[in-house]
Amino acid sequence: MSTAFLEIVELSDGRIVLRRADDEEALVTLEFSSDARAFLNEQHVEVAKAMLSVGLQMAGRMAEGDFQDAERVLH
């Protein structure tokens, strides 16, 4: 991925996207259900920021070869 600045944007339809600052195309899209939004007391944007931050950190570690291919359980 290029080193362009990335931005997190909430679109008018409620989806949250990660994209390059100079491009409209989404690199990652997150969508929370109405139940999830209610559960999070409408703090879904903060949760999305945290999710994307951890994902970018992990991608960076993988690119540097610091990520061990461990067995992962997805819940």
N, C-alpha and C. Protein backbone atom coordinates (compact mmCIF):
# COMPACT_ATOMS: atom_id res chain seq x y z
N MET A 1 0.85 -1.17 0.00
CA MET A 1 0.00 0.00 0.00
C MET A 1 0.89 1.23 0.00
N SER A 2 0.47 2.27 -0.69
CA SER A 2 1.27 3.49 -0.74
C SER A 2 1.31 4.15 0.63
N THR A 3 2.21 5.10 0.75
CA THR A 3 2.36 5.79 2.03
C THR A 3 1.51 7.05 2.11
N ALA A 4 0.51 7.19 1.24
CA ALA A 4 -0.40 8.33 1.28
C ALA A 4 -1.12 8.36 2.63
N PHE A 5 -1.55 9.54 3.02
CA PHE A 5 -2.30 9.66 4.26
C PHE A 5 -3.62 8.90 4.14
N LEU A 6 -4.01 8.26 5.24
CA LEU A 6 -5.27 7.53 5.28
C LEU A 6 -6.25 8.30 6.15
N GLU A 7 -7.53 8.16 5.84
CA GLU A 7 -8.55 8.81 6.65
C GLU A 7 -9.70 7.83 6.90
N ILE A 8 -10.33 8.03 8.04
CA ILE A 8 -11.52 7.26 8.41
C ILE A 8 -12.70 8.20 8.26
N VAL A 9 -13.70 7.77 7.49
CA VAL A 9 -14.84 8.63 7.16
C VAL A 9 -16.13 7.86 7.40
N GLU A 10 -17.11 8.51 8.02
CA GLU A 10 -18.45 7.93 8.11
C GLU A 10 -19.25 8.48 6.93
N LEU A 11 -19.72 7.58 6.08
CA LEU A 11 -20.48 7.98 4.90
C LEU A 11 -21.93 8.29 5.28
N SER A 12 -22.63 8.94 4.39
CA SER A 12 -24.02 9.34 4.66
C SER A 12 -24.94 8.14 4.91
N ASP A 13 -24.56 6.96 4.40
CA ASP A 13 -25.38 5.76 4.63
C ASP A 13 -25.01 5.03 5.92
N GLY A 14 -24.08 5.60 6.71
CA GLY A 14 -23.72 5.02 7.99
C GLY A 14 -22.50 4.11 7.95
N ARG A 15 -22.07 3.71 6.76
CA ARG A 15 -20.87 2.88 6.68
C ARG A 15 -19.65 3.72 7.05
N ILE A 16 -18.66 3.06 7.62
CA ILE A 16 -17.41 3.72 7.98
C ILE A 16 -16.33 3.12 7.10
N VAL A 17 -15.57 3.99 6.43
CA VAL A 17 -14.56 3.50 5.49
C VAL A 17 -13.19 4.06 5.84
N LEU A 18 -12.20 3.26 5.50
CA LEU A 18 -10.81 3.68 5.53
C LEU A 18 -10.41 3.88 4.08
N ARG A 19 -9.88 5.06 3.78
CA ARG A 19 -9.49 5.33 2.40
C ARG A 19 -8.29 6.27 2.39
N ARG A 20 -7.65 6.31 1.23
CA ARG A 20 -6.57 7.28 1.05
C ARG A 20 -7.19 8.67 1.01
N ALA A 21 -6.50 9.62 1.59
CA ALA A 21 -7.04 10.99 1.67
C ALA A 21 -7.28 11.58 0.29
N ASP A 22 -6.52 11.13 -0.70
CA ASP A 22 -6.65 11.69 -2.04
C ASP A 22 -7.48 10.81 -2.98
N ASP A 23 -8.29 9.90 -2.41
CA ASP A 23 -9.06 8.96 -3.23
C ASP A 23 -10.39 8.67 -2.55
N GLU A 24 -11.43 8.50 -3.32
CA GLU A 24 -12.76 8.20 -2.79
C GLU A 24 -12.98 6.70 -2.59
N GLU A 25 -12.14 5.87 -3.18
CA GLU A 25 -12.33 4.42 -3.10
C GLU A 25 -11.98 3.91 -1.70
N ALA A 26 -12.88 3.11 -1.14
CA ALA A 26 -12.67 2.55 0.20
C ALA A 26 -11.66 1.40 0.14
N LEU A 27 -10.73 1.40 1.08
CA LEU A 27 -9.81 0.28 1.25
C LEU A 27 -10.43 -0.77 2.16
N VAL A 28 -11.15 -0.30 3.18
CA VAL A 28 -11.84 -1.17 4.14
C VAL A 28 -13.18 -0.51 4.45
N THR A 29 -14.22 -1.32 4.58
CA THR A 29 -15.54 -0.80 4.93
C THR A 29 -16.06 -1.55 6.15
N LEU A 30 -16.56 -0.80 7.13
CA LEU A 30 -17.19 -1.38 8.31
C LEU A 30 -18.63 -0.92 8.35
N GLU A 31 -19.51 -1.83 8.73
CA GLU A 31 -20.92 -1.49 8.84
C GLU A 31 -21.48 -2.11 10.12
N PHE A 32 -22.05 -1.28 10.97
CA PHE A 32 -22.63 -1.75 12.22
C PHE A 32 -24.14 -1.82 12.08
N SER A 33 -24.71 -2.89 12.58
CA SER A 33 -26.17 -3.02 12.56
C SER A 33 -26.78 -2.01 13.54
N SER A 34 -28.06 -1.78 13.41
CA SER A 34 -28.74 -0.86 14.34
C SER A 34 -28.67 -1.39 15.77
N ASP A 35 -28.73 -2.71 15.93
CA ASP A 35 -28.60 -3.30 17.27
C ASP A 35 -27.21 -3.03 17.85
N ALA A 36 -26.18 -3.18 17.02
CA ALA A 36 -24.81 -2.93 17.49
C ALA A 36 -24.64 -1.45 17.85
N ARG A 37 -25.19 -0.58 17.04
CA ARG A 37 -25.10 0.86 17.33
C ARG A 37 -25.77 1.18 18.66
N ALA A 38 -26.94 0.60 18.89
CA ALA A 38 -27.65 0.82 20.15
C ALA A 38 -26.84 0.28 21.32
N PHE A 39 -26.28 -0.92 21.16
CA PHE A 39 -25.47 -1.52 22.22
C PHE A 39 -24.26 -0.65 22.55
N LEU A 40 -23.68 -0.04 21.53
CA LEU A 40 -22.49 0.80 21.71
C LEU A 40 -22.84 2.24 22.08
N ASN A 41 -24.11 2.51 22.35
CA ASN A 41 -24.55 3.86 22.70
C ASN A 41 -24.10 4.89 21.67
N GLU A 42 -24.21 4.52 20.41
CA GLU A 42 -23.84 5.39 19.29
C GLU A 42 -22.36 5.77 19.28
N GLN A 43 -21.52 4.99 19.95
CA GLN A 43 -20.07 5.23 19.94
C GLN A 43 -19.39 4.32 18.91
N HIS A 44 -20.14 3.89 17.89
CA HIS A 44 -19.62 2.96 16.89
C HIS A 44 -18.44 3.53 16.12
N VAL A 45 -18.37 4.84 15.95
CA VAL A 45 -17.24 5.43 15.23
C VAL A 45 -15.95 5.22 16.02
N GLU A 46 -16.01 5.39 17.33
CA GLU A 46 -14.82 5.16 18.16
C GLU A 46 -14.39 3.70 18.11
N VAL A 47 -15.35 2.79 18.12
CA VAL A 47 -15.03 1.36 18.01
C VAL A 47 -14.42 1.07 16.64
N ALA A 48 -14.96 1.66 15.60
CA ALA A 48 -14.43 1.47 14.25
C ALA A 48 -12.99 1.97 14.16
N LYS A 49 -12.71 3.13 14.76
CA LYS A 49 -11.35 3.67 14.76
C LYS A 49 -10.39 2.69 15.43
N ALA A 50 -10.80 2.13 16.55
CA ALA A 50 -9.96 1.17 17.26
C ALA A 50 -9.73 -0.09 16.42
N MET A 51 -10.79 -0.59 15.80
CA MET A 51 -10.68 -1.78 14.96
C MET A 51 -9.71 -1.55 13.80
N LEU A 52 -9.86 -0.40 13.15
CA LEU A 52 -9.00 -0.10 12.01
C LEU A 52 -7.56 0.14 12.44
N SER A 53 -7.37 0.76 13.58
CA SER A 53 -6.03 1.01 14.10
C SER A 53 -5.28 -0.30 14.36
N VAL A 54 -5.94 -1.23 15.03
CA VAL A 54 -5.32 -2.52 15.30
C VAL A 54 -5.05 -3.28 14.00
N GLY A 55 -5.98 -3.20 13.06
CA GLY A 55 -5.78 -3.86 11.77
C GLY A 55 -4.58 -3.31 11.03
N LEU A 56 -4.42 -1.99 11.04
CA LEU A 56 -3.26 -1.37 10.37
C LEU A 56 -1.96 -1.74 11.07
N GLN A 57 -1.98 -1.79 12.39
CA GLN A 57 -0.78 -2.20 13.13
C GLN A 57 -0.39 -3.63 12.77
N MET A 58 -1.37 -4.51 12.71
CA MET A 58 -1.09 -5.90 12.36
C MET A 58 -0.57 -6.01 10.93
N ALA A 59 -1.17 -5.26 10.02
CA ALA A 59 -0.71 -5.28 8.62
C ALA A 59 0.74 -4.80 8.54
N GLY A 60 1.07 -3.77 9.31
CA GLY A 60 2.44 -3.28 9.34
C GLY A 60 3.40 -4.32 9.86
N ARG A 61 3.02 -5.01 10.92
CA ARG A 61 3.88 -6.08 11.47
C ARG A 61 4.06 -7.20 10.47
N MET A 62 2.99 -7.53 9.77
CA MET A 62 3.08 -8.60 8.77
C MET A 62 4.02 -8.19 7.63
N ALA A 63 3.94 -6.93 7.21
CA ALA A 63 4.78 -6.44 6.13
C ALA A 63 6.25 -6.45 6.53
N GLU A 64 6.52 -6.26 7.83
CA GLU A 64 7.89 -6.26 8.33
C GLU A 64 8.38 -7.67 8.67
N GLY A 65 7.50 -8.64 8.57
CA GLY A 65 7.88 -10.02 8.89
C GLY A 65 7.87 -10.33 10.37
N ASP A 66 7.26 -9.45 11.18
CA ASP A 66 7.22 -9.65 12.63
C ASP A 66 6.01 -10.44 13.10
N PHE A 67 5.23 -10.89 12.18
CA PHE A 67 3.99 -11.59 12.55
C PHE A 67 4.19 -13.08 12.40
N GLN A 68 3.98 -13.81 13.49
CA GLN A 68 4.09 -15.26 13.43
C GLN A 68 2.75 -15.83 12.99
N ASP A 69 2.82 -16.78 12.07
CA ASP A 69 1.60 -17.41 11.57
C ASP A 69 1.08 -18.38 12.62
N ALA A 70 0.32 -17.83 13.56
CA ALA A 70 -0.23 -18.64 14.64
C ALA A 70 -1.65 -19.05 14.30
N GLU A 71 -2.08 -20.12 14.90
CA GLU A 71 -3.46 -20.56 14.73
C GLU A 71 -4.37 -19.54 15.39
N ARG A 72 -5.40 -19.13 14.70
CA ARG A 72 -6.31 -18.12 15.22
C ARG A 72 -7.73 -18.64 15.23
N VAL A 73 -8.44 -18.34 16.30
CA VAL A 73 -9.85 -18.68 16.40
C VAL A 73 -10.64 -17.41 16.26
N LEU A 74 -11.56 -17.39 15.31
CA LEU A 74 -12.41 -16.23 15.09
C LEU A 74 -13.76 -16.50 15.71
N HIS A 75 -14.21 -15.60 16.53
CA HIS A 75 -15.50 -15.77 17.22
C HIS A 75 -16.53 -14.91 16.58
